[in-house]
PDB file of N, CA and C in Angstrom:
ATOM      1  N   GLN A   1      -5.704 -40.900  10.804  1.00  0.00           N
ATOM      2  CA  GLN A   1      -6.271 -39.572  10.700  1.00  0.00           C
ATOM      3  C   GLN A   1      -5.867 -38.953   9.354  1.00  0.00           C
ATOM      4  N   VAL A   2      -6.839 -38.495   8.607  1.00  0.00           N
ATOM      5  CA  VAL A   2      -6.574 -37.883   7.312  1.00  0.00           C
ATOM      6  C   VAL A   2      -5.903 -36.535   7.514  1.00  0.00           C
ATOM      7  N   GLN A   3      -4.914 -36.263   6.713  1.00  0.00           N
ATOM      8  CA  GLN A   3      -4.264 -34.960   6.722  1.00  0.00           C
ATOM      9  C   GLN A   3      -4.332 -34.345   5.343  1.00  0.00           C
ATOM     10  N   LEU A   4      -4.580 -33.052   5.323  1.00  0.00           N
ATOM     11  CA  LEU A   4      -4.582 -32.271   4.089  1.00  0.00           C
ATOM     12  C   LEU A   4      -3.518 -31.202   4.231  1.00  0.00           C
ATOM     13  N   VAL A   5      -2.556 -31.192   3.332  1.00  0.00           N
ATOM     14  CA  VAL A   5      -1.432 -30.258   3.432  1.00  0.00           C
ATOM     15  C   VAL A   5      -1.457 -29.334   2.231  1.00  0.00           C
ATOM     16  N   GLU A   6      -1.618 -28.038   2.517  1.00  0.00           N
ATOM     17  CA  GLU A   6      -1.681 -27.029   1.467  1.00  0.00           C
ATOM     18  C   GLU A   6      -0.337 -26.343   1.311  1.00  0.00           C
ATOM     19  N   SER A   7      -0.139 -25.770   0.136  1.00  0.00           N
ATOM     20  CA  SER A   7       1.032 -24.930  -0.114  1.00  0.00           C
ATOM     21  C   SER A   7       0.695 -23.999  -1.266  1.00  0.00           C
ATOM     22  N   GLY A   8       1.640 -23.140  -1.628  1.00  0.00           N
ATOM     23  CA  GLY A   8       1.486 -22.335  -2.831  1.00  0.00           C
ATOM     24  C   GLY A   8       0.943 -20.945  -2.649  1.00  0.00           C
ATOM     25  N   GLY A   9       0.568 -20.579  -1.437  1.00  0.00           N
ATOM     26  CA  GLY A   9       0.060 -19.232  -1.233  1.00  0.00           C
ATOM     27  C   GLY A   9       1.169 -18.199  -1.335  1.00  0.00           C
ATOM     28  N   GLY A  10       0.757 -16.930  -1.351  1.00  0.00           N
ATOM     29  CA  GLY A  10       1.746 -15.857  -1.403  1.00  0.00           C
ATOM     30  C   GLY A  10       1.138 -14.561  -1.854  1.00  0.00           C
ATOM     31  N   LEU A  11       2.020 -13.639  -2.217  1.00  0.00           N
ATOM     32  CA  LEU A  11       1.640 -12.301  -2.675  1.00  0.00           C
ATOM     33  C   LEU A  11       1.793 -12.239  -4.188  1.00  0.00           C
ATOM     34  N   VAL A  12       0.754 -11.726  -4.843  1.00  0.00           N
ATOM     35  CA  VAL A  12       0.780 -11.616  -6.300  1.00  0.00           C
ATOM     36  C   VAL A  12       0.093 -10.326  -6.704  1.00  0.00           C
ATOM     37  N   HIS A  13       0.511  -9.763  -7.827  1.00  0.00           N
ATOM     38  CA  HIS A  13      -0.141  -8.548  -8.320  1.00  0.00           C
ATOM     39  C   HIS A  13      -1.464  -8.886  -8.985  1.00  0.00           C
ATOM     40  N   SER A  14      -2.333  -7.913  -9.022  1.00  0.00           N
ATOM     41  CA  SER A  14      -3.615  -8.069  -9.709  1.00  0.00           C
ATOM     42  C   SER A  14      -3.359  -8.498 -11.158  1.00  0.00           C
ATOM     43  N   GLY A  15      -4.135  -9.487 -11.606  1.00  0.00           N
ATOM     44  CA  GLY A  15      -3.951 -10.042 -12.946  1.00  0.00           C
ATOM     45  C   GLY A  15      -3.005 -11.227 -13.002  1.00  0.00           C
ATOM     46  N   GLY A  16      -2.328 -11.494 -11.907  1.00  0.00           N
ATOM     47  CA  GLY A  16      -1.361 -12.578 -11.870  1.00  0.00           C
ATOM     48  C   GLY A  16      -2.004 -13.930 -11.621  1.00  0.00           C
ATOM     49  N   SER A  17      -1.145 -14.927 -11.469  1.00  0.00           N
ATOM     50  CA  SER A  17      -1.594 -16.313 -11.316  1.00  0.00           C
ATOM     51  C   SER A  17      -0.873 -16.983 -10.158  1.00  0.00           C
ATOM     52  N   LEU A  18      -1.568 -17.943  -9.554  1.00  0.00           N
ATOM     53  CA  LEU A  18      -1.000 -18.812  -8.529  1.00  0.00           C
ATOM     54  C   LEU A  18      -1.650 -20.171  -8.648  1.00  0.00           C
ATOM     55  N   THR A  19      -0.926 -21.194  -8.231  1.00  0.00           N
ATOM     56  CA  THR A  19      -1.499 -22.534  -8.136  1.00  0.00           C
ATOM     57  C   THR A  19      -1.331 -23.036  -6.712  1.00  0.00           C
ATOM     58  N   LEU A  20      -2.423 -23.496  -6.130  1.00  0.00           N
ATOM     59  CA  LEU A  20      -2.423 -24.017  -4.759  1.00  0.00           C
ATOM     60  C   LEU A  20      -2.587 -25.538  -4.809  1.00  0.00           C
ATOM     61  N   PRO A  21      -1.555 -26.286  -4.408  1.00  0.00           N
ATOM     62  CA  PRO A  21      -1.717 -27.736  -4.284  1.00  0.00           C
ATOM     63  C   PRO A  21      -2.216 -28.103  -2.876  1.00  0.00           C
ATOM     64  N   CYS A  22      -3.021 -29.125  -2.811  1.00  0.00           N
ATOM     65  CA  CYS A  22      -3.432 -29.720  -1.541  1.00  0.00           C
ATOM     66  C   CYS A  22      -3.187 -31.222  -1.653  1.00  0.00           C
ATOM     67  N   THR A  23      -2.266 -31.703  -0.838  1.00  0.00           N
ATOM     68  CA  THR A  23      -1.935 -33.121  -0.864  1.00  0.00           C
ATOM     69  C   THR A  23      -2.574 -33.834   0.317  1.00  0.00           C
ATOM     70  N   ALA A  24      -3.306 -34.899   0.009  1.00  0.00           N
ATOM     71  CA  ALA A  24      -3.993 -35.681   1.037  1.00  0.00           C
ATOM     72  C   ALA A  24      -3.147 -36.877   1.447  1.00  0.00           C
ATOM     73  N   SER A  25      -3.350 -37.309   2.693  1.00  0.00           N
ATOM     74  CA  SER A  25      -2.617 -38.476   3.190  1.00  0.00           C
ATOM     75  C   SER A  25      -3.205 -39.776   2.662  1.00  0.00           C
ATOM     76  N   GLU A  26      -4.356 -39.655   1.950  1.00  0.00           N
ATOM     77  CA  GLU A  26      -4.964 -40.820   1.330  1.00  0.00           C
ATOM     78  C   GLU A  26      -5.276 -40.504  -0.129  1.00  0.00           C
ATOM     79  N   SER A  27      -5.629 -41.518  -0.882  1.00  0.00           N
ATOM     80  CA  SER A  27      -6.019 -41.301  -2.257  1.00  0.00           C
ATOM     81  C   SER A  27      -7.258 -40.405  -2.337  1.00  0.00           C
ATOM     82  N   ILE A  28      -7.292 -39.569  -3.376  1.00  0.00           N
ATOM     83  CA  ILE A  28      -8.451 -38.714  -3.613  1.00  0.00           C
ATOM     84  C   ILE A  28      -9.718 -39.547  -3.719  1.00  0.00           C
ATOM     85  N   ALA A  29      -9.603 -40.759  -4.201  1.00  0.00           N
ATOM     86  CA  ALA A  29     -10.754 -41.642  -4.359  1.00  0.00           C
ATOM     87  C   ALA A  29     -11.399 -42.012  -3.022  1.00  0.00           C
ATOM     88  N   SER A  30     -10.716 -41.723  -1.902  1.00  0.00           N
ATOM     89  CA  SER A  30     -11.260 -41.997  -0.571  1.00  0.00           C
ATOM     90  C   SER A  30     -12.327 -41.004  -0.153  1.00  0.00           C
ATOM     91  N   PHE A  31     -12.471 -39.931  -0.920  1.00  0.00           N
ATOM     92  CA  PHE A  31     -13.353 -38.839  -0.521  1.00  0.00           C
ATOM     93  C   PHE A  31     -14.560 -38.710  -1.431  1.00  0.00           C
ATOM     94  N   VAL A  32     -15.678 -38.350  -0.831  1.00  0.00           N
ATOM     95  CA  VAL A  32     -16.872 -38.024  -1.609  1.00  0.00           C
ATOM     96  C   VAL A  32     -16.624 -36.735  -2.382  1.00  0.00           C
ATOM     97  N   THR A  33     -15.966 -35.780  -1.707  1.00  0.00           N
ATOM     98  CA  THR A  33     -15.665 -34.512  -2.325  1.00  0.00           C
ATOM     99  C   THR A  33     -14.372 -33.966  -1.739  1.00  0.00           C
ATOM    100  N   ILE A  34     -13.630 -33.214  -2.527  1.00  0.00           N
ATOM    101  CA  ILE A  34     -12.418 -32.539  -2.071  1.00  0.00           C
ATOM    102  C   ILE A  34     -12.266 -31.271  -2.867  1.00  0.00           C
ATOM    103  N   GLY A  35     -11.779 -30.231  -2.212  1.00  0.00           N
ATOM    104  CA  GLY A  35     -11.630 -28.976  -2.926  1.00  0.00           C
ATOM    105  C   GLY A  35     -11.148 -27.870  -2.023  1.00  0.00           C
ATOM    106  N   TRP A  36     -11.541 -26.639  -2.355  1.00  0.00           N
ATOM    107  CA  TRP A  36     -11.030 -25.452  -1.688  1.00  0.00           C
ATOM    108  C   TRP A  36     -12.155 -24.515  -1.262  1.00  0.00           C
ATOM    109  N   TYR A  37     -11.993 -23.950  -0.074  1.00  0.00           N
ATOM    110  CA  TYR A  37     -12.808 -22.862   0.431  1.00  0.00           C
ATOM    111  C   TYR A  37     -11.871 -21.696   0.723  1.00  0.00           C
ATOM    112  N   ARG A  38     -12.437 -20.515   0.923  1.00  0.00           N
ATOM    113  CA  ARG A  38     -11.628 -19.369   1.312  1.00  0.00           C
ATOM    114  C   ARG A  38     -12.384 -18.504   2.294  1.00  0.00           C
ATOM    115  N   GLN A  39     -11.593 -17.774   3.086  1.00  0.00           N
ATOM    116  CA  GLN A  39     -12.163 -16.884   4.101  1.00  0.00           C
ATOM    117  C   GLN A  39     -11.380 -15.596   4.124  1.00  0.00           C
ATOM    118  N   ALA A  40     -12.070 -14.511   3.776  1.00  0.00           N
ATOM    119  CA  ALA A  40     -11.485 -13.180   3.851  1.00  0.00           C
ATOM    120  C   ALA A  40     -11.779 -12.601   5.228  1.00  0.00           C
ATOM    121  N   PRO A  41     -10.982 -11.623   5.687  1.00  0.00           N
ATOM    122  CA  PRO A  41     -11.203 -11.046   7.017  1.00  0.00           C
ATOM    123  C   PRO A  41     -12.624 -10.519   7.170  1.00  0.00           C
ATOM    124  N   GLY A  42     -13.281 -10.910   8.257  1.00  0.00           N
ATOM    125  CA  GLY A  42     -14.634 -10.449   8.534  1.00  0.00           C
ATOM    126  C   GLY A  42     -15.718 -11.196   7.781  1.00  0.00           C
ATOM    127  N   ASN A  43     -15.317 -12.145   6.951  1.00  0.00           N
ATOM    128  CA  ASN A  43     -16.294 -12.888   6.159  1.00  0.00           C
ATOM    129  C   ASN A  43     -16.372 -14.344   6.600  1.00  0.00           C
ATOM    130  N   GLU A  44     -17.425 -15.014   6.147  1.00  0.00           N
ATOM    131  CA  GLU A  44     -17.539 -16.441   6.396  1.00  0.00           C
ATOM    132  C   GLU A  44     -16.644 -17.215   5.429  1.00  0.00           C
ATOM    133  N   ARG A  45     -16.443 -18.480   5.741  1.00  0.00           N
ATOM    134  CA  ARG A  45     -15.677 -19.346   4.859  1.00  0.00           C
ATOM    135  C   ARG A  45     -16.594 -19.809   3.720  1.00  0.00           C
ATOM    136  N   ASP A  46     -16.202 -19.524   2.508  1.00  0.00           N
ATOM    137  CA  ASP A  46     -17.048 -19.793   1.344  1.00  0.00           C
ATOM    138  C   ASP A  46     -16.396 -20.785   0.395  1.00  0.00           C
ATOM    139  N   LEU A  47     -17.245 -21.500  -0.317  1.00  0.00           N
ATOM    140  CA  LEU A  47     -16.766 -22.436  -1.323  1.00  0.00           C
ATOM    141  C   LEU A  47     -16.061 -21.695  -2.457  1.00  0.00           C
ATOM    142  N   VAL A  48     -14.935 -22.248  -2.890  1.00  0.00           N
ATOM    143  CA  VAL A  48     -14.281 -21.797  -4.120  1.00  0.00           C
ATOM    144  C   VAL A  48     -14.553 -22.830  -5.227  1.00  0.00           C
ATOM    145  N   ALA A  49     -14.149 -24.065  -4.979  1.00  0.00           N
ATOM    146  CA  ALA A  49     -14.361 -25.136  -5.950  1.00  0.00           C
ATOM    147  C   ALA A  49     -14.186 -26.473  -5.248  1.00  0.00           C
ATOM    148  N   ARG A  50     -14.990 -27.448  -5.635  1.00  0.00           N
ATOM    149  CA  ARG A  50     -14.808 -28.793  -5.106  1.00  0.00           C
ATOM    150  C   ARG A  50     -15.313 -29.807  -6.106  1.00  0.00           C
ATOM    151  N   THR A  51     -14.839 -31.016  -5.956  1.00  0.00           N
ATOM    152  CA  THR A  51     -15.265 -32.086  -6.848  1.00  0.00           C
ATOM    153  C   THR A  51     -16.647 -32.583  -6.467  1.00  0.00           C
ATOM    154  N   THR A  52     -17.306 -33.196  -7.439  1.00  0.00           N
ATOM    155  CA  THR A  52     -18.593 -33.841  -7.209  1.00  0.00           C
ATOM    156  C   THR A  52     -18.495 -35.297  -7.665  1.00  0.00           C
ATOM    157  N   GLY A  53     -19.505 -36.080  -7.359  1.00  0.00           N
ATOM    158  CA  GLY A  53     -19.538 -37.451  -7.834  1.00  0.00           C
ATOM    159  C   GLY A  53     -19.525 -37.503  -9.353  1.00  0.00           C
ATOM    160  N   GLY A  54     -18.919 -38.510  -9.902  1.00  0.00           N
ATOM    161  CA  GLY A  54     -18.890 -38.641 -11.347  1.00  0.00           C
ATOM    162  C   GLY A  54     -17.812 -37.815 -12.019  1.00  0.00           C
ATOM    163  N   GLY A  55     -16.964 -37.221 -11.226  1.00  0.00           N
ATOM    164  CA  GLY A  55     -15.831 -36.502 -11.802  1.00  0.00           C
ATOM    165  C   GLY A  55     -16.078 -35.041 -12.130  1.00  0.00           C
ATOM    166  N   GLY A  56     -17.211 -34.518 -11.727  1.00  0.00           N
ATOM    167  CA  GLY A  56     -17.504 -33.121 -12.000  1.00  0.00           C
ATOM    168  C   GLY A  56     -16.892 -32.186 -10.984  1.00  0.00           C
ATOM    169  N   THR A  57     -17.112 -30.900 -11.178  1.00  0.00           N
ATOM    170  CA  THR A  57     -16.587 -29.865 -10.289  1.00  0.00           C
ATOM    171  C   THR A  57     -17.631 -28.764 -10.130  1.00  0.00           C
ATOM    172  N   ILE A  58     -17.761 -28.280  -8.899  1.00  0.00           N
ATOM    173  CA  ILE A  58     -18.599 -27.097  -8.632  1.00  0.00           C
ATOM    174  C   ILE A  58     -17.679 -25.916  -8.417  1.00  0.00           C
ATOM    175  N   TYR A  59     -17.988 -24.789  -9.040  1.00  0.00           N
ATOM    176  CA  TYR A  59     -17.225 -23.552  -8.873  1.00  0.00           C
ATOM    177  C   TYR A  59     -18.128 -22.448  -8.338  1.00  0.00           C
ATOM    178  N   ALA A  60     -17.570 -21.610  -7.498  1.00  0.00           N
ATOM    179  CA  ALA A  60     -18.271 -20.400  -7.070  1.00  0.00           C
ATOM    180  C   ALA A  60     -18.431 -19.465  -8.258  1.00  0.00           C
ATOM    181  N   ASP A  61     -19.541 -18.741  -8.285  1.00  0.00           N
ATOM    182  CA  ASP A  61     -19.795 -17.826  -9.407  1.00  0.00           C
ATOM    183  C   ASP A  61     -18.687 -16.788  -9.544  1.00  0.00           C
ATOM    184  N   SER A  62     -18.141 -16.348  -8.431  1.00  0.00           N
ATOM    185  CA  SER A  62     -17.171 -15.246  -8.446  1.00  0.00           C
ATOM    186  C   SER A  62     -15.856 -15.629  -9.106  1.00  0.00           C
ATOM    187  N   ILE A  63     -15.580 -16.892  -9.258  1.00  0.00           N
ATOM    188  CA  ILE A  63     -14.289 -17.305  -9.833  1.00  0.00           C
ATOM    189  C   ILE A  63     -14.462 -18.107 -11.126  1.00  0.00           C
ATOM    190  N   GLN A  64     -15.672 -18.235 -11.589  1.00  0.00           N
ATOM    191  CA  GLN A  64     -15.926 -18.978 -12.830  1.00  0.00           C
ATOM    192  C   GLN A  64     -15.096 -18.411 -13.979  1.00  0.00           C
ATOM    193  N   GLY A  65     -14.452 -19.303 -14.696  1.00  0.00           N
ATOM    194  CA  GLY A  65     -13.653 -18.902 -15.846  1.00  0.00           C
ATOM    195  C   GLY A  65     -12.256 -18.431 -15.506  1.00  0.00           C
ATOM    196  N   ARG A  66     -11.980 -18.251 -14.210  1.00  0.00           N
ATOM    197  CA  ARG A  66     -10.642 -17.784 -13.811  1.00  0.00           C
ATOM    198  C   ARG A  66      -9.872 -18.872 -13.049  1.00  0.00           C
ATOM    199  N   PHE A  67     -10.573 -19.677 -12.292  1.00  0.00           N
ATOM    200  CA  PHE A  67      -9.952 -20.727 -11.480  1.00  0.00           C
ATOM    201  C   PHE A  67     -10.327 -22.095 -12.052  1.00  0.00           C
ATOM    202  N   THR A  68      -9.394 -23.029 -11.933  1.00  0.00           N
ATOM    203  CA  THR A  68      -9.623 -24.394 -12.390  1.00  0.00           C
ATOM    204  C   THR A  68      -9.157 -25.376 -11.321  1.00  0.00           C
ATOM    205  N   LEU A  69      -9.987 -26.348 -11.039  1.00  0.00           N
ATOM    206  CA  LEU A  69      -9.625 -27.406 -10.090  1.00  0.00           C
ATOM    207  C   LEU A  69      -9.215 -28.645 -10.880  1.00  0.00           C
ATOM    208  N   SER A  70      -8.034 -29.158 -10.574  1.00  0.00           N
ATOM    209  CA  SER A  70      -7.589 -30.390 -11.212  1.00  0.00           C
ATOM    210  C   SER A  70      -7.082 -31.332 -10.132  1.00  0.00           C
ATOM    211  N   ARG A  71      -6.814 -32.572 -10.520  1.00  0.00           N
ATOM    212  CA  ARG A  71      -6.460 -33.551  -9.487  1.00  0.00           C
ATOM    213  C   ARG A  71      -5.578 -34.644 -10.075  1.00  0.00           C
ATOM    214  N   ASP A  72      -4.786 -35.267  -9.222  1.00  0.00           N
ATOM    215  CA  ASP A  72      -4.146 -36.515  -9.553  1.00  0.00           C
ATOM    216  C   ASP A  72      -4.424 -37.478  -8.406  1.00  0.00           C
ATOM    217  N   MET A  73      -3.626 -38.489  -8.209  1.00  0.00           N
ATOM    218  CA  MET A  73      -3.983 -39.540  -7.269  1.00  0.00           C
ATOM    219  C   MET A  73      -4.163 -39.036  -5.841  1.00  0.00           C
ATOM    220  N   ASN A  74      -3.279 -38.137  -5.392  1.00  0.00           N
ATOM    221  CA  ASN A  74      -3.321 -37.710  -3.995  1.00  0.00           C
ATOM    222  C   ASN A  74      -3.452 -36.201  -3.819  1.00  0.00           C
ATOM    223  N   THR A  75      -3.487 -35.461  -4.905  1.00  0.00           N
ATOM    224  CA  THR A  75      -3.404 -34.006  -4.811  1.00  0.00           C
ATOM    225  C   THR A  75      -4.481 -33.343  -5.664  1.00  0.00           C
ATOM    226  N   VAL A  76      -5.063 -32.287  -5.098  1.00  0.00           N
ATOM    227  CA  VAL A  76      -5.913 -31.407  -5.903  1.00  0.00           C
ATOM    228  C   VAL A  76      -5.199 -30.071  -6.047  1.00  0.00           C
ATOM    229  N   TYR A  77      -5.351 -29.481  -7.206  1.00  0.00           N
ATOM    230  CA  TYR A  77      -4.679 -28.232  -7.532  1.00  0.00           C
ATOM    231  C   TYR A  77      -5.730 -27.175  -7.856  1.00  0.00           C
ATOM    232  N   LEU A  78      -5.595 -26.016  -7.248  1.00  0.00           N
ATOM    233  CA  LEU A  78      -6.435 -24.885  -7.593  1.00  0.00           C
ATOM    234  C   LEU A  78      -5.576 -23.928  -8.404  1.00  0.00           C
ATOM    235  N   GLN A  79      -5.824 -23.898  -9.701  1.00  0.00           N
ATOM    236  CA  GLN A  79      -5.072 -23.022 -10.591  1.00  0.00           C
ATOM    237  C   GLN A  79      -5.858 -21.718 -10.709  1.00  0.00           C
ATOM    238  N   MET A  80      -5.248 -20.648 -10.251  1.00  0.00           N
ATOM    239  CA  MET A  80      -5.913 -19.342 -10.190  1.00  0.00           C
ATOM    240  C   MET A  80      -5.254 -18.398 -11.179  1.00  0.00           C
ATOM    241  N   THR A  81      -6.049 -17.818 -12.061  1.00  0.00           N
ATOM    242  CA  THR A  81      -5.554 -16.842 -13.023  1.00  0.00           C
ATOM    243  C   THR A  81      -6.373 -15.565 -12.920  1.00  0.00           C
ATOM    244  N   ALA A  82      -5.877 -14.519 -13.550  1.00  0.00           N
ATOM    245  CA  ALA A  82      -6.577 -13.225 -13.552  1.00  0.00           C
ATOM    246  C   ALA A  82      -6.999 -12.842 -12.139  1.00  0.00           C
ATOM    247  N   LEU A  83      -6.093 -12.969 -11.199  1.00  0.00           N
ATOM    248  CA  LEU A  83      -6.413 -12.711  -9.797  1.00  0.00           C
ATOM    249  C   LEU A  83      -6.768 -11.250  -9.567  1.00  0.00           C
ATOM    250  N   LYS A  84      -7.706 -11.046  -8.640  1.00  0.00           N
ATOM    251  CA  LYS A  84      -8.189  -9.721  -8.297  1.00  0.00           C
ATOM    252  C   LYS A  84      -7.939  -9.473  -6.813  1.00  0.00           C
ATOM    253  N   PRO A  85      -7.867  -8.217  -6.388  1.00  0.00           N
ATOM    254  CA  PRO A  85      -7.690  -7.943  -4.958  1.00  0.00           C
ATOM    255  C   PRO A  85      -8.765  -8.610  -4.097  1.00  0.00           C
ATOM    256  N   GLU A  86      -9.976  -8.737  -4.622  1.00  0.00           N
ATOM    257  CA  GLU A  86     -11.049  -9.370  -3.840  1.00  0.00           C
ATOM    258  C   GLU A  86     -10.863 -10.884  -3.688  1.00  0.00           C
ATOM    259  N   ASP A  87      -9.878 -11.458  -4.349  1.00  0.00           N
ATOM    260  CA  ASP A  87      -9.540 -12.872  -4.140  1.00  0.00           C
ATOM    261  C   ASP A  87      -8.648 -13.059  -2.915  1.00  0.00           C
ATOM    262  N   THR A  88      -8.205 -11.965  -2.318  1.00  0.00           N
ATOM    263  CA  THR A  88      -7.366 -12.042  -1.125  1.00  0.00           C
ATOM    264  C   THR A  88      -8.121 -12.729   0.006  1.00  0.00           C
ATOM    265  N   ALA A  89      -7.538 -13.785   0.551  1.00  0.00           N
ATOM    266  CA  ALA A  89      -8.184 -14.570   1.602  1.00  0.00           C
ATOM    267  C   ALA A  89      -7.218 -15.650   2.070  1.00  0.00           C
ATOM    268  N   VAL A  90      -7.609 -16.311   3.148  1.00  0.00           N
ATOM    269  CA  VAL A  90      -6.949 -17.564   3.513  1.00  0.00           C
ATOM    270  C   VAL A  90      -7.703 -18.685   2.795  1.00  0.00           C
ATOM    271  N   TYR A  91      -6.971 -19.505   2.084  1.00  0.00           N
ATOM    272  CA  TYR A  91      -7.561 -20.588   1.307  1.00  0.00           C
ATOM    273  C   TYR A  91      -7.361 -21.904   2.071  1.00  0.00           C
ATOM    274  N   TYR A  92      -8.454 -22.639   2.222  1.00  0.00           N
ATOM    275  CA  TYR A  92      -8.445 -23.883   2.985  1.00  0.00           C
ATOM    276  C   TYR A  92      -8.814 -25.065   2.092  1.00  0.00           C
ATOM    277  N   CYS A  93      -8.031 -26.111   2.189  1.00  0.00           N
ATOM    278  CA  CYS A  93      -8.385 -27.360   1.540  1.00  0.00           C
ATOM    279  C   CYS A  93      -9.425 -28.087   2.395  1.00  0.00           C
ATOM    280  N   TYR A  94     -10.357 -28.742   1.743  1.00  0.00           N
ATOM    281  CA  TYR A  94     -11.479 -29.403   2.431  1.00  0.00           C
ATOM    282  C   TYR A  94     -11.729 -30.758   1.787  1.00  0.00           C
ATOM    283  N   ALA A  95     -12.102 -31.723   2.603  1.00  0.00           N
ATOM    284  CA  ALA A  95     -12.499 -33.035   2.091  1.00  0.00           C
ATOM    285  C   ALA A  95     -13.557 -33.640   3.006  1.00  0.00           C
ATOM    286  N   ARG A  96     -14.410 -34.447   2.393  1.00  0.00           N
ATOM    287  CA  ARG A  96     -15.416 -35.196   3.170  1.00  0.00           C
ATOM    288  C   ARG A  96     -15.401 -36.630   2.680  1.00  0.00           C
ATOM    289  N   ASP A  97     -15.364 -37.558   3.636  1.00  0.00           N
ATOM    290  CA  ASP A  97     -15.267 -38.963   3.233  1.00  0.00           C
ATOM    291  C   ASP A  97     -16.646 -39.614   3.179  1.00  0.00           C
ATOM    292  N   PHE A  98     -16.671 -40.899   2.899  1.00  0.00           N
ATOM    293  CA  PHE A  98     -17.924 -41.612   2.694  1.00  0.00           C
ATOM    294  C   PHE A  98     -18.672 -41.877   3.998  1.00  0.00           C
ATOM    295  N   TYR A  99     -18.047 -41.523   5.164  1.00  0.00           N
ATOM    296  CA  TYR A  99     -18.716 -41.578   6.463  1.00  0.00           C
ATOM    297  C   TYR A  99     -19.146 -40.186   6.917  1.00  0.00           C
ATOM    298  N   ASN A 100     -19.101 -39.237   5.989  1.00  0.00           N
ATOM    299  CA  ASN A 100     -19.480 -37.838   6.258  1.00  0.00           C
ATOM    300  C   ASN A 100     -18.557 -37.148   7.259  1.00  0.00           C
ATOM    301  N   ARG A 101     -17.372 -37.649   7.425  1.00  0.00           N
ATOM    302  CA  ARG A 101     -16.386 -36.953   8.253  1.00  0.00           C
ATOM    303  C   ARG A 101     -15.708 -35.889   7.395  1.00  0.00           C
ATOM    304  N   GLU A 102     -15.537 -34.720   7.989  1.00  0.00           N
ATOM    305  CA  GLU A 102     -14.974 -33.586   7.267  1.00  0.00           C
ATOM    306  C   GLU A 102     -13.555 -33.297   7.747  1.00  0.00           C
ATOM    307  N   TYR A 103     -12.740 -32.866   6.811  1.00  0.00           N
ATOM    308  CA  TYR A 103     -11.340 -32.579   7.101  1.00  0.00           C
ATOM    309  C   TYR A 103     -10.973 -31.229   6.498  1.00  0.00           C
ATOM    310  N   TRP A 104     -10.133 -30.498   7.215  1.00  0.00           N
ATOM    311  CA  TRP A 104      -9.663 -29.187   6.755  1.00  0.00           C
ATOM    312  C   TRP A 104      -8.150 -29.140   6.841  1.00  0.00           C
ATOM    313  N   GLY A 105      -7.557 -28.445   5.880  1.00  0.00           N
ATOM    314  CA  GLY A 105      -6.149 -28.130   5.975  1.00  0.00           C
ATOM    315  C   GLY A 105      -5.932 -26.939   6.885  1.00  0.00           C
ATOM    316  N   GLN A 106      -4.676 -26.567   7.044  1.00  0.00           N
ATOM    317  CA  GLN A 106      -4.341 -25.488   7.983  1.00  0.00           C
ATOM    318  C   GLN A 106      -4.548 -24.105   7.384  1.00  0.00           C
ATOM    319  N   GLY A 107      -4.712 -24.026   6.086  1.00  0.00           N
ATOM    320  CA  GLY A 107      -4.931 -22.752   5.419  1.00  0.00           C
ATOM    321  C   GLY A 107      -3.648 -22.163   4.858  1.00  0.00           C
ATOM    322  N   THR A 108      -3.788 -21.461   3.740  1.00  0.00           N
ATOM    323  CA  THR A 108      -2.646 -20.764   3.133  1.00  0.00           C
ATOM    324  C   THR A 108      -3.117 -19.395   2.657  1.00  0.00           C
ATOM    325  N   GLN A 109      -2.324 -18.386   2.960  1.00  0.00           N
ATOM    326  CA  GLN A 109      -2.716 -17.000   2.663  1.00  0.00           C
ATOM    327  C   GLN A 109      -2.417 -16.664   1.204  1.00  0.00           C
ATOM    328  N   VAL A 110      -3.407 -16.075   0.561  1.00  0.00           N
ATOM    329  CA  VAL A 110      -3.235 -15.518  -0.785  1.00  0.00           C
ATOM    330  C   VAL A 110      -3.559 -14.035  -0.697  1.00  0.00           C
ATOM    331  N   THR A 111      -2.625 -13.201  -1.114  1.00  0.00           N
ATOM    332  CA  THR A 111      -2.817 -11.759  -1.095  1.00  0.00           C
ATOM    333  C   THR A 111      -2.600 -11.226  -2.499  1.00  0.00           C
ATOM    334  N   VAL A 112      -3.600 -10.511  -3.003  1.00  0.00           N
ATOM    335  CA  VAL A 112      -3.517  -9.936  -4.347  1.00  0.00           C
ATOM    336  C   VAL A 112      -3.466  -8.433  -4.201  1.00  0.00           C
ATOM    337  N   SER A 113      -2.388  -7.826  -4.650  1.00  0.00           N
ATOM    338  CA  SER A 113      -2.221  -6.378  -4.542  1.00  0.00           C
ATOM    339  C   SER A 113      -2.764  -5.703  -5.793  1.00  0.00           C
ATOM    340  N   SER A 114      -3.284  -4.504  -5.586  1.00  0.00           N
ATOM    341  CA  SER A 114      -3.877  -3.773  -6.717  1.00  0.00           C
ATOM    342  C   SER A 114      -2.838  -2.951  -7.442  1.00  0.00           C
TER     343      SER A 114
END
């Protein structure tokens, strides 16, 4: 069973930075896509950033230029800068394998104070 373990959440002031690592129990190469979604209270879970085939990355419009997704063999990192109060949410790591099975991490809270 694939496991995705997130860390790095916390409280930060507006304009600050955080990095969220997500470590997978398998190599990143095992997945068609891996990345991050977030869910604010009362909202749906939305894409933040995820990898695409060929080594590319898709980013949500709301975080373009502020967040960067990077990766190594087993971990993807969401580097968040210039954080805003509207970035406050629970952030979830997500992966989908070549059999279209989907996996979610347990979530990590990010709170940005104004």
